[in-house]
PDB file of N, CA and C in Angstrom:
ATOM      1  N   MET A   1      35.591 -37.548  16.484  1.00  0.00           N
ATOM      2  CA  MET A   1      34.547 -36.904  15.706  1.00  0.00           C
ATOM      3  C   MET A   1      34.738 -35.392  15.799  1.00  0.00           C
ATOM      4  N   ASN A   2      34.924 -34.765  14.662  1.00  0.00           N
ATOM      5  CA  ASN A   2      35.168 -33.334  14.593  1.00  0.00           C
ATOM      6  C   ASN A   2      33.882 -32.628  14.158  1.00  0.00           C
ATOM      7  N   THR A   3      33.364 -31.745  14.989  1.00  0.00           N
ATOM      8  CA  THR A   3      32.118 -31.048  14.681  1.00  0.00           C
ATOM      9  C   THR A   3      32.351 -29.544  14.595  1.00  0.00           C
ATOM     10  N   ASP A   4      33.292 -29.152  13.755  1.00  0.00           N
ATOM     11  CA  ASP A   4      33.553 -27.731  13.567  1.00  0.00           C
ATOM     12  C   ASP A   4      32.366 -27.061  12.902  1.00  0.00           C
ATOM     13  N   ILE A   5      32.069 -25.888  13.364  1.00  0.00           N
ATOM     14  CA  ILE A   5      30.989 -25.112  12.769  1.00  0.00           C
ATOM     15  C   ILE A   5      31.561 -24.307  11.607  1.00  0.00           C
ATOM     16  N   GLN A   6      30.928 -24.431  10.462  1.00  0.00           N
ATOM     17  CA  GLN A   6      31.341 -23.692   9.276  1.00  0.00           C
ATOM     18  C   GLN A   6      30.459 -22.449   9.135  1.00  0.00           C
ATOM     19  N   ILE A   7      31.073 -21.289   9.144  1.00  0.00           N
ATOM     20  CA  ILE A   7      30.335 -20.041   9.006  1.00  0.00           C
ATOM     21  C   ILE A   7      30.360 -19.619   7.544  1.00  0.00           C
ATOM     22  N   SER A   8      29.206 -19.310   7.033  1.00  0.00           N
ATOM     23  CA  SER A   8      29.097 -18.858   5.648  1.00  0.00           C
ATOM     24  C   SER A   8      29.123 -17.337   5.634  1.00  0.00           C
ATOM     25  N   ARG A   9      30.216 -16.774   5.149  1.00  0.00           N
ATOM     26  CA  ARG A   9      30.332 -15.325   5.043  1.00  0.00           C
ATOM     27  C   ARG A   9      30.461 -14.948   3.576  1.00  0.00           C
ATOM     28  N   PRO A  10      29.506 -14.207   3.065  1.00  0.00           N
ATOM     29  CA  PRO A  10      29.600 -13.816   1.659  1.00  0.00           C
ATOM     30  C   PRO A  10      30.739 -12.821   1.454  1.00  0.00           C
ATOM     31  N   GLU A  11      31.268 -12.832   0.256  1.00  0.00           N
ATOM     32  CA  GLU A  11      32.320 -11.887  -0.091  1.00  0.00           C
ATOM     33  C   GLU A  11      31.719 -10.485  -0.182  1.00  0.00           C
ATOM     34  N   PRO A  12      32.444  -9.479   0.283  1.00  0.00           N
ATOM     35  CA  PRO A  12      31.939  -8.102   0.156  1.00  0.00           C
ATOM     36  C   PRO A  12      31.809  -7.708  -1.313  1.00  0.00           C
ATOM     37  N   ILE A  13      30.828  -6.904  -1.584  1.00  0.00           N
ATOM     38  CA  ILE A  13      30.630  -6.386  -2.935  1.00  0.00           C
ATOM     39  C   ILE A  13      31.252  -4.998  -2.977  1.00  0.00           C
ATOM     40  N   LEU A  14      32.283  -4.845  -3.794  1.00  0.00           N
ATOM     41  CA  LEU A  14      32.931  -3.554  -3.930  1.00  0.00           C
ATOM     42  C   LEU A  14      32.235  -2.778  -5.033  1.00  0.00           C
ATOM     43  N   LEU A  15      31.804  -1.592  -4.698  1.00  0.00           N
ATOM     44  CA  LEU A  15      31.058  -0.783  -5.646  1.00  0.00           C
ATOM     45  C   LEU A  15      32.022   0.148  -6.374  1.00  0.00           C
ATOM     46  N   ASN A  16      32.476  -0.293  -7.554  1.00  0.00           N
ATOM     47  CA  ASN A  16      33.388   0.511  -8.345  1.00  0.00           C
ATOM     48  C   ASN A  16      32.637   1.503  -9.233  1.00  0.00           C
ATOM     49  N   GLU A  17      31.406   1.183  -9.582  1.00  0.00           N
ATOM     50  CA  GLU A  17      30.617   2.082 -10.415  1.00  0.00           C
ATOM     51  C   GLU A  17      29.403   2.571  -9.639  1.00  0.00           C
ATOM     52  N   GLU A  18      28.727   3.527 -10.213  1.00  0.00           N
ATOM     53  CA  GLU A  18      27.531   4.093  -9.599  1.00  0.00           C
ATOM     54  C   GLU A  18      26.434   3.031  -9.557  1.00  0.00           C
ATOM     55  N   ILE A  19      25.703   2.974  -8.464  1.00  0.00           N
ATOM     56  CA  ILE A  19      24.649   1.981  -8.291  1.00  0.00           C
ATOM     57  C   ILE A  19      23.360   2.706  -7.917  1.00  0.00           C
ATOM     58  N   GLU A  20      22.232   2.135  -8.340  1.00  0.00           N
ATOM     59  CA  GLU A  20      20.927   2.699  -7.990  1.00  0.00           C
ATOM     60  C   GLU A  20      20.765   2.685  -6.466  1.00  0.00           C
ATOM     61  N   THR A  21      20.165   3.733  -5.930  1.00  0.00           N
ATOM     62  CA  THR A  21      19.925   3.791  -4.487  1.00  0.00           C
ATOM     63  C   THR A  21      18.423   3.899  -4.234  1.00  0.00           C
ATOM     64  N   PHE A  22      18.043   3.517  -3.032  1.00  0.00           N
ATOM     65  CA  PHE A  22      16.644   3.577  -2.628  1.00  0.00           C
ATOM     66  C   PHE A  22      16.563   4.193  -1.249  1.00  0.00           C
ATOM     67  N   ASN A  23      15.688   5.194  -1.103  1.00  0.00           N
ATOM     68  CA  ASN A  23      15.390   5.763   0.210  1.00  0.00           C
ATOM     69  C   ASN A  23      13.893   6.049   0.266  1.00  0.00           C
ATOM     70  N   SER A  24      13.450   6.745   1.266  1.00  0.00           N
ATOM     71  CA  SER A  24      12.008   6.936   1.463  1.00  0.00           C
ATOM     72  C   SER A  24      11.362   7.800   0.383  1.00  0.00           C
ATOM     73  N   THR A  25      12.145   8.546  -0.387  1.00  0.00           N
ATOM     74  CA  THR A  25      11.576   9.416  -1.421  1.00  0.00           C
ATOM     75  C   THR A  25      11.677   8.826  -2.828  1.00  0.00           C
ATOM     76  N   THR A  26      12.260   7.643  -2.965  1.00  0.00           N
ATOM     77  CA  THR A  26      12.466   7.018  -4.267  1.00  0.00           C
ATOM     78  C   THR A  26      11.164   6.411  -4.783  1.00  0.00           C
ATOM     79  N   ASN A  27      10.982   6.465  -6.092  1.00  0.00           N
ATOM     80  CA  ASN A  27       9.813   5.868  -6.734  1.00  0.00           C
ATOM     81  C   ASN A  27       9.919   4.342  -6.643  1.00  0.00           C
ATOM     82  N   ILE A  28       8.998   3.720  -5.951  1.00  0.00           N
ATOM     83  CA  ILE A  28       9.056   2.281  -5.701  1.00  0.00           C
ATOM     84  C   ILE A  28       8.830   1.476  -6.981  1.00  0.00           C
ATOM     85  N   LYS A  29       7.899   1.897  -7.825  1.00  0.00           N
ATOM     86  CA  LYS A  29       7.629   1.155  -9.063  1.00  0.00           C
ATOM     87  C   LYS A  29       8.856   1.152  -9.967  1.00  0.00           C
ATOM     88  N   GLN A  30       9.544   2.281 -10.064  1.00  0.00           N
ATOM     89  CA  GLN A  30      10.756   2.345 -10.876  1.00  0.00           C
ATOM     90  C   GLN A  30      11.850   1.461 -10.275  1.00  0.00           C
ATOM     91  N   THR A  31      11.950   1.426  -8.955  1.00  0.00           N
ATOM     92  CA  THR A  31      12.941   0.586  -8.290  1.00  0.00           C
ATOM     93  C   THR A  31      12.662  -0.891  -8.559  1.00  0.00           C
ATOM     94  N   ILE A  32      11.407  -1.297  -8.530  1.00  0.00           N
ATOM     95  CA  ILE A  32      11.048  -2.689  -8.816  1.00  0.00           C
ATOM     96  C   ILE A  32      11.399  -3.038 -10.263  1.00  0.00           C
ATOM     97  N   LYS A  33      11.166  -2.117 -11.191  1.00  0.00           N
ATOM     98  CA  LYS A  33      11.557  -2.350 -12.588  1.00  0.00           C
ATOM     99  C   LYS A  33      13.075  -2.506 -12.704  1.00  0.00           C
ATOM    100  N   THR A  34      13.808  -1.722 -11.936  1.00  0.00           N
ATOM    101  CA  THR A  34      15.268  -1.826 -11.926  1.00  0.00           C
ATOM    102  C   THR A  34      15.698  -3.202 -11.428  1.00  0.00           C
ATOM    103  N   LEU A  35      15.067  -3.677 -10.357  1.00  0.00           N
ATOM    104  CA  LEU A  35      15.385  -5.003  -9.821  1.00  0.00           C
ATOM    105  C   LEU A  35      15.023  -6.101 -10.822  1.00  0.00           C
ATOM    106  N   GLU A  36      13.888  -5.969 -11.483  1.00  0.00           N
ATOM    107  CA  GLU A  36      13.473  -6.963 -12.474  1.00  0.00           C
ATOM    108  C   GLU A  36      14.439  -7.013 -13.659  1.00  0.00           C
ATOM    109  N   ALA A  37      15.121  -5.894 -13.923  1.00  0.00           N
ATOM    110  CA  ALA A  37      16.115  -5.860 -14.996  1.00  0.00           C
ATOM    111  C   ALA A  37      17.431  -6.507 -14.562  1.00  0.00           C
ATOM    112  N   GLY A  38      17.535  -6.885 -13.276  1.00  0.00           N
ATOM    113  CA  GLY A  38      18.729  -7.559 -12.777  1.00  0.00           C
ATOM    114  C   GLY A  38      19.780  -6.623 -12.216  1.00  0.00           C
ATOM    115  N   THR A  39      19.417  -5.370 -12.002  1.00  0.00           N
ATOM    116  CA  THR A  39      20.342  -4.377 -11.456  1.00  0.00           C
ATOM    117  C   THR A  39      20.172  -4.291  -9.942  1.00  0.00           C
ATOM    118  N   PRO A  40      21.264  -4.383  -9.177  1.00  0.00           N
ATOM    119  CA  PRO A  40      21.131  -4.272  -7.726  1.00  0.00           C
ATOM    120  C   PRO A  40      20.765  -2.856  -7.288  1.00  0.00           C
ATOM    121  N   VAL A  41      20.145  -2.768  -6.129  1.00  0.00           N
ATOM    122  CA  VAL A  41      19.732  -1.487  -5.556  1.00  0.00           C
ATOM    123  C   VAL A  41      20.297  -1.398  -4.146  1.00  0.00           C
ATOM    124  N   LEU A  42      20.884  -0.263  -3.822  1.00  0.00           N
ATOM    125  CA  LEU A  42      21.478  -0.033  -2.507  1.00  0.00           C
ATOM    126  C   LEU A  42      20.497   0.739  -1.634  1.00  0.00           C
ATOM    127  N   ILE A  43      20.223   0.226  -0.451  1.00  0.00           N
ATOM    128  CA  ILE A  43      19.341   0.889   0.509  1.00  0.00           C
ATOM    129  C   ILE A  43      20.132   1.982   1.213  1.00  0.00           C
ATOM    130  N   LYS A  44      19.575   3.171   1.229  1.00  0.00           N
ATOM    131  CA  LYS A  44      20.215   4.303   1.889  1.00  0.00           C
ATOM    132  C   LYS A  44      19.437   4.688   3.134  1.00  0.00           C
ATOM    133  N   ASP A  45      20.107   5.352   4.023  1.00  0.00           N
ATOM    134  CA  ASP A  45      19.542   5.959   5.227  1.00  0.00           C
ATOM    135  C   ASP A  45      19.122   4.939   6.282  1.00  0.00           C
ATOM    136  N   PHE A  46      17.932   4.352   6.174  1.00  0.00           N
ATOM    137  CA  PHE A  46      17.398   3.538   7.257  1.00  0.00           C
ATOM    138  C   PHE A  46      17.118   2.105   6.818  1.00  0.00           C
ATOM    139  N   TYR A  47      17.256   1.185   7.747  1.00  0.00           N
ATOM    140  CA  TYR A  47      16.945  -0.230   7.518  1.00  0.00           C
ATOM    141  C   TYR A  47      15.477  -0.394   7.137  1.00  0.00           C
ATOM    142  N   SER A  48      14.624   0.450   7.708  1.00  0.00           N
ATOM    143  CA  SER A  48      13.188   0.359   7.425  1.00  0.00           C
ATOM    144  C   SER A  48      12.880   0.642   5.958  1.00  0.00           C
ATOM    145  N   ASN A  49      13.744   1.390   5.266  1.00  0.00           N
ATOM    146  CA  ASN A  49      13.548   1.603   3.824  1.00  0.00           C
ATOM    147  C   ASN A  49      13.641   0.271   3.087  1.00  0.00           C
ATOM    148  N   GLY A  50      14.565  -0.569   3.494  1.00  0.00           N
ATOM    149  CA  GLY A  50      14.704  -1.889   2.893  1.00  0.00           C
ATOM    150  C   GLY A  50      13.494  -2.758   3.170  1.00  0.00           C
ATOM    151  N   LEU A  51      12.979  -2.679   4.385  1.00  0.00           N
ATOM    152  CA  LEU A  51      11.790  -3.454   4.732  1.00  0.00           C
ATOM    153  C   LEU A  51      10.583  -3.021   3.909  1.00  0.00           C
ATOM    154  N   SER A  52      10.443  -1.719   3.693  1.00  0.00           N
ATOM    155  CA  SER A  52       9.316  -1.250   2.889  1.00  0.00           C
ATOM    156  C   SER A  52       9.472  -1.679   1.429  1.00  0.00           C
ATOM    157  N   LEU A  53      10.699  -1.716   0.912  1.00  0.00           N
ATOM    158  CA  LEU A  53      10.925  -2.182  -0.455  1.00  0.00           C
ATOM    159  C   LEU A  53      10.588  -3.666  -0.584  1.00  0.00           C
ATOM    160  N   VAL A  54      10.991  -4.466   0.380  1.00  0.00           N
ATOM    161  CA  VAL A  54      10.680  -5.899   0.351  1.00  0.00           C
ATOM    162  C   VAL A  54       9.160  -6.111   0.408  1.00  0.00           C
ATOM    163  N   LYS A  55       8.478  -5.325   1.216  1.00  0.00           N
ATOM    164  CA  LYS A  55       7.020  -5.415   1.314  1.00  0.00           C
ATOM    165  C   LYS A  55       6.374  -5.083  -0.034  1.00  0.00           C
ATOM    166  N   GLU A  56       6.869  -4.052  -0.704  1.00  0.00           N
ATOM    167  CA  GLU A  56       6.322  -3.668  -2.004  1.00  0.00           C
ATOM    168  C   GLU A  56       6.621  -4.704  -3.083  1.00  0.00           C
ATOM    169  N   ILE A  57       7.780  -5.346  -3.003  1.00  0.00           N
ATOM    170  CA  ILE A  57       8.099  -6.425  -3.948  1.00  0.00           C
ATOM    171  C   ILE A  57       7.107  -7.561  -3.784  1.00  0.00           C
ATOM    172  N   LYS A  58       6.836  -7.920  -2.538  1.00  0.00           N
ATOM    173  CA  LYS A  58       5.885  -8.991  -2.254  1.00  0.00           C
ATOM    174  C   LYS A  58       4.497  -8.631  -2.792  1.00  0.00           C
ATOM    175  N   TYR A  59       4.071  -7.403  -2.565  1.00  0.00           N
ATOM    176  CA  TYR A  59       2.767  -6.937  -3.051  1.00  0.00           C
ATOM    177  C   TYR A  59       2.729  -6.949  -4.579  1.00  0.00           C
ATOM    178  N   HIS A  60       3.801  -6.485  -5.213  1.00  0.00           N
ATOM    179  CA  HIS A  60       3.896  -6.459  -6.677  1.00  0.00           C
ATOM    180  C   HIS A  60       3.793  -7.877  -7.251  1.00  0.00           C
ATOM    181  N   LEU A  61       4.501  -8.824  -6.659  1.00  0.00           N
ATOM    182  CA  LEU A  61       4.473 -10.198  -7.147  1.00  0.00           C
ATOM    183  C   LEU A  61       3.108 -10.848  -6.933  1.00  0.00           C
ATOM    184  N   GLN A  62       2.439 -10.514  -5.842  1.00  0.00           N
ATOM    185  CA  GLN A  62       1.109 -11.054  -5.601  1.00  0.00           C
ATOM    186  C   GLN A  62       0.118 -10.576  -6.651  1.00  0.00           C
ATOM    187  N   LYS A  63       0.309  -9.355  -7.140  1.00  0.00           N
ATOM    188  CA  LYS A  63      -0.578  -8.813  -8.169  1.00  0.00           C
ATOM    189  C   LYS A  63      -0.256  -9.364  -9.552  1.00  0.00           C
ATOM    190  N   THR A  64       1.012  -9.659  -9.816  1.00  0.00           N
ATOM    191  CA  THR A  64       1.416  -9.993 -11.183  1.00  0.00           C
ATOM    192  C   THR A  64       1.625 -11.473 -11.441  1.00  0.00           C
ATOM    193  N   THR A  65       1.721 -12.300 -10.411  1.00  0.00           N
ATOM    194  CA  THR A  65       1.937 -13.727 -10.634  1.00  0.00           C
ATOM    195  C   THR A  65       0.825 -14.537  -9.978  1.00  0.00           C
ATOM    196  N   ALA A  66       0.458 -15.618 -10.638  1.00  0.00           N
ATOM    197  CA  ALA A  66      -0.512 -16.544 -10.053  1.00  0.00           C
ATOM    198  C   ALA A  66       0.178 -17.312  -8.931  1.00  0.00           C
ATOM    199  N   ASN A  67      -0.572 -17.635  -7.908  1.00  0.00           N
ATOM    200  CA  ASN A  67       0.034 -18.272  -6.733  1.00  0.00           C
ATOM    201  C   ASN A  67      -0.926 -19.318  -6.150  1.00  0.00           C
ATOM    202  N   LYS A  68      -1.539 -20.111  -7.017  1.00  0.00           N
ATOM    203  CA  LYS A  68      -2.521 -21.079  -6.535  1.00  0.00           C
ATOM    204  C   LYS A  68      -1.995 -22.510  -6.511  1.00  0.00           C
ATOM    205  N   THR A  69      -1.388 -22.949  -7.593  1.00  0.00           N
ATOM    206  CA  THR A  69      -0.878 -24.318  -7.637  1.00  0.00           C
ATOM    207  C   THR A  69       0.533 -24.371  -7.063  1.00  0.00           C
ATOM    208  N   PHE A  70       0.998 -25.577  -6.825  1.00  0.00           N
ATOM    209  CA  PHE A  70       2.338 -25.760  -6.281  1.00  0.00           C
ATOM    210  C   PHE A  70       3.389 -25.183  -7.222  1.00  0.00           C
ATOM    211  N   GLN A  71       3.236 -25.450  -8.530  1.00  0.00           N
ATOM    212  CA  GLN A  71       4.208 -24.944  -9.511  1.00  0.00           C
ATOM    213  C   GLN A  71       4.202 -23.417  -9.550  1.00  0.00           C
ATOM    214  N   GLU A  72       3.021 -22.795  -9.481  1.00  0.00           N
ATOM    215  CA  GLU A  72       2.929 -21.335  -9.470  1.00  0.00           C
ATOM    216  C   GLU A  72       3.571 -20.760  -8.211  1.00  0.00           C
ATOM    217  N   GLN A  73       3.424 -21.450  -7.084  1.00  0.00           N
ATOM    218  CA  GLN A  73       4.050 -20.997  -5.849  1.00  0.00           C
ATOM    219  C   GLN A  73       5.568 -21.059  -5.952  1.00  0.00           C
ATOM    220  N   ARG A  74       6.081 -22.082  -6.620  1.00  0.00           N
ATOM    221  CA  ARG A  74       7.534 -22.185  -6.824  1.00  0.00           C
ATOM    222  C   ARG A  74       8.036 -21.040  -7.696  1.00  0.00           C
ATOM    223  N   ILE A  75       7.289 -20.701  -8.731  1.00  0.00           N
ATOM    224  CA  ILE A  75       7.668 -19.588  -9.609  1.00  0.00           C
ATOM    225  C   ILE A  75       7.640 -18.271  -8.833  1.00  0.00           C
ATOM    226  N   TYR A  76       6.601 -18.086  -8.011  1.00  0.00           N
ATOM    227  CA  TYR A  76       6.483 -16.885  -7.173  1.00  0.00           C
ATOM    228  C   TYR A  76       7.669 -16.777  -6.224  1.00  0.00           C
ATOM    229  N   ARG A  77       7.993 -17.868  -5.553  1.00  0.00           N
ATOM    230  CA  ARG A  77       9.111 -17.847  -4.597  1.00  0.00           C
ATOM    231  C   ARG A  77      10.443 -17.598  -5.291  1.00  0.00           C
ATOM    232  N   ALA A  78      10.620 -18.167  -6.486  1.00  0.00           N
ATOM    233  CA  ALA A  78      11.858 -17.952  -7.234  1.00  0.00           C
ATOM    234  C   ALA A  78      11.996 -16.488  -7.646  1.00  0.00           C
ATOM    235  N   ALA A  79      10.897 -15.871  -8.078  1.00  0.00           N
ATOM    236  CA  ALA A  79      10.926 -14.452  -8.461  1.00  0.00           C
ATOM    237  C   ALA A  79      11.208 -13.583  -7.239  1.00  0.00           C
ATOM    238  N   TYR A  80      10.570 -13.900  -6.117  1.00  0.00           N
ATOM    239  CA  TYR A  80      10.800 -13.142  -4.880  1.00  0.00           C
ATOM    240  C   TYR A  80      12.260 -13.267  -4.440  1.00  0.00           C
ATOM    241  N   HIS A  81      12.794 -14.466  -4.504  1.00  0.00           N
ATOM    242  CA  HIS A  81      14.178 -14.713  -4.111  1.00  0.00           C
ATOM    243  C   HIS A  81      15.134 -13.927  -5.002  1.00  0.00           C
ATOM    244  N   LYS A  82      14.876 -13.958  -6.315  1.00  0.00           N
ATOM    245  CA  LYS A  82      15.739 -13.244  -7.265  1.00  0.00           C
ATOM    246  C   LYS A  82      15.742 -11.743  -6.977  1.00  0.00           C
ATOM    247  N   LEU A  83      14.550 -11.164  -6.809  1.00  0.00           N
ATOM    248  CA  LEU A  83      14.461  -9.718  -6.596  1.00  0.00           C
ATOM    249  C   LEU A  83      15.013  -9.305  -5.231  1.00  0.00           C
ATOM    250  N   SER A  84      14.696 -10.050  -4.203  1.00  0.00           N
ATOM    251  CA  SER A  84      15.153  -9.667  -2.864  1.00  0.00           C
ATOM    252  C   SER A  84      16.665  -9.816  -2.702  1.00  0.00           C
ATOM    253  N   ASN A  85      17.276 -10.730  -3.446  1.00  0.00           N
ATOM    254  CA  ASN A  85      18.729 -10.879  -3.368  1.00  0.00           C
ATOM    255  C   ASN A  85      19.479  -9.765  -4.091  1.00  0.00           C
ATOM    256  N   LEU A  86      18.784  -8.958  -4.847  1.00  0.00           N
ATOM    257  CA  LEU A  86      19.418  -7.817  -5.508  1.00  0.00           C
ATOM    258  C   LEU A  86      19.378  -6.558  -4.653  1.00  0.00           C
ATOM    259  N   ILE A  87      18.770  -6.652  -3.480  1.00  0.00           N
ATOM    260  CA  ILE A  87      18.726  -5.513  -2.562  1.00  0.00           C
ATOM    261  C   ILE A  87      19.976  -5.561  -1.695  1.00  0.00           C
ATOM    262  N   LEU A  88      20.733  -4.486  -1.723  1.00  0.00           N
ATOM    263  CA  LEU A  88      21.983  -4.412  -0.971  1.00  0.00           C
ATOM    264  C   LEU A  88      21.843  -3.392   0.140  1.00  0.00           C
ATOM    265  N   ILE A  89      22.559  -3.611   1.220  1.00  0.00           N
ATOM    266  CA  ILE A  89      22.607  -2.670   2.314  1.00  0.00           C
ATOM    267  C   ILE A  89      24.069  -2.432   2.659  1.00  0.00           C
ATOM    268  N   GLU A  90      24.397  -1.192   2.919  1.00  0.00           N
ATOM    269  CA  GLU A  90      25.782  -0.822   3.168  1.00  0.00           C
ATOM    270  C   GLU A  90      26.202  -1.227   4.583  1.00  0.00           C
ATOM    271  N   VAL A  91      27.355  -1.839   4.688  1.00  0.00           N
ATOM    272  CA  VAL A  91      27.912  -2.223   5.983  1.00  0.00           C
ATOM    273  C   VAL A  91      29.147  -1.376   6.233  1.00  0.00           C
ATOM    274  N   ILE A  92      29.172  -0.707   7.358  1.00  0.00           N
ATOM    275  CA  ILE A  92      30.294   0.149   7.721  1.00  0.00           C
ATOM    276  C   ILE A  92      30.860  -0.350   9.028  1.00  0.00           C
ATOM    277  N   ASP A  93      32.164  -0.586   9.077  1.00  0.00           N
ATOM    278  CA  ASP A  93      32.848  -1.066  10.282  1.00  0.00           C
ATOM    279  C   ASP A  93      32.240  -2.352  10.822  1.00  0.00           C
ATOM    280  N   HIS A  94      31.864  -3.264   9.939  1.00  0.00           N
ATOM    281  CA  HIS A  94      31.316  -4.578  10.283  1.00  0.00           C
ATOM    282  C   HIS A  94      30.018  -4.475  11.083  1.00  0.00           C
ATOM    283  N   LYS A  95      29.272  -3.412  10.900  1.00  0.00           N
ATOM    284  CA  LYS A  95      27.998  -3.230  11.608  1.00  0.00           C
ATOM    285  C   LYS A  95      26.901  -3.022  10.603  1.00  0.00           C
TER     286      LYS A  95
END
């Protein structure tokens, strides 16, 4: 019986063109509109900037989507998943 552990490592995203960035001085509403348009956003400076963006996405979705029935909760989670997966963070030297 072979029980090898399979590690899932995503392929690196090479940024050949200019990409939207987000830091503590960036307009959050404009950044959320950018994410809703399907454009990725790169977090600059601090990890906490990414956490604050995720918090604002959650708050934005709570205001704009119904979240009472099971189907509405699935739609909310799908929208959250879509937007949060467009947030990128730069990795330097595998750190």
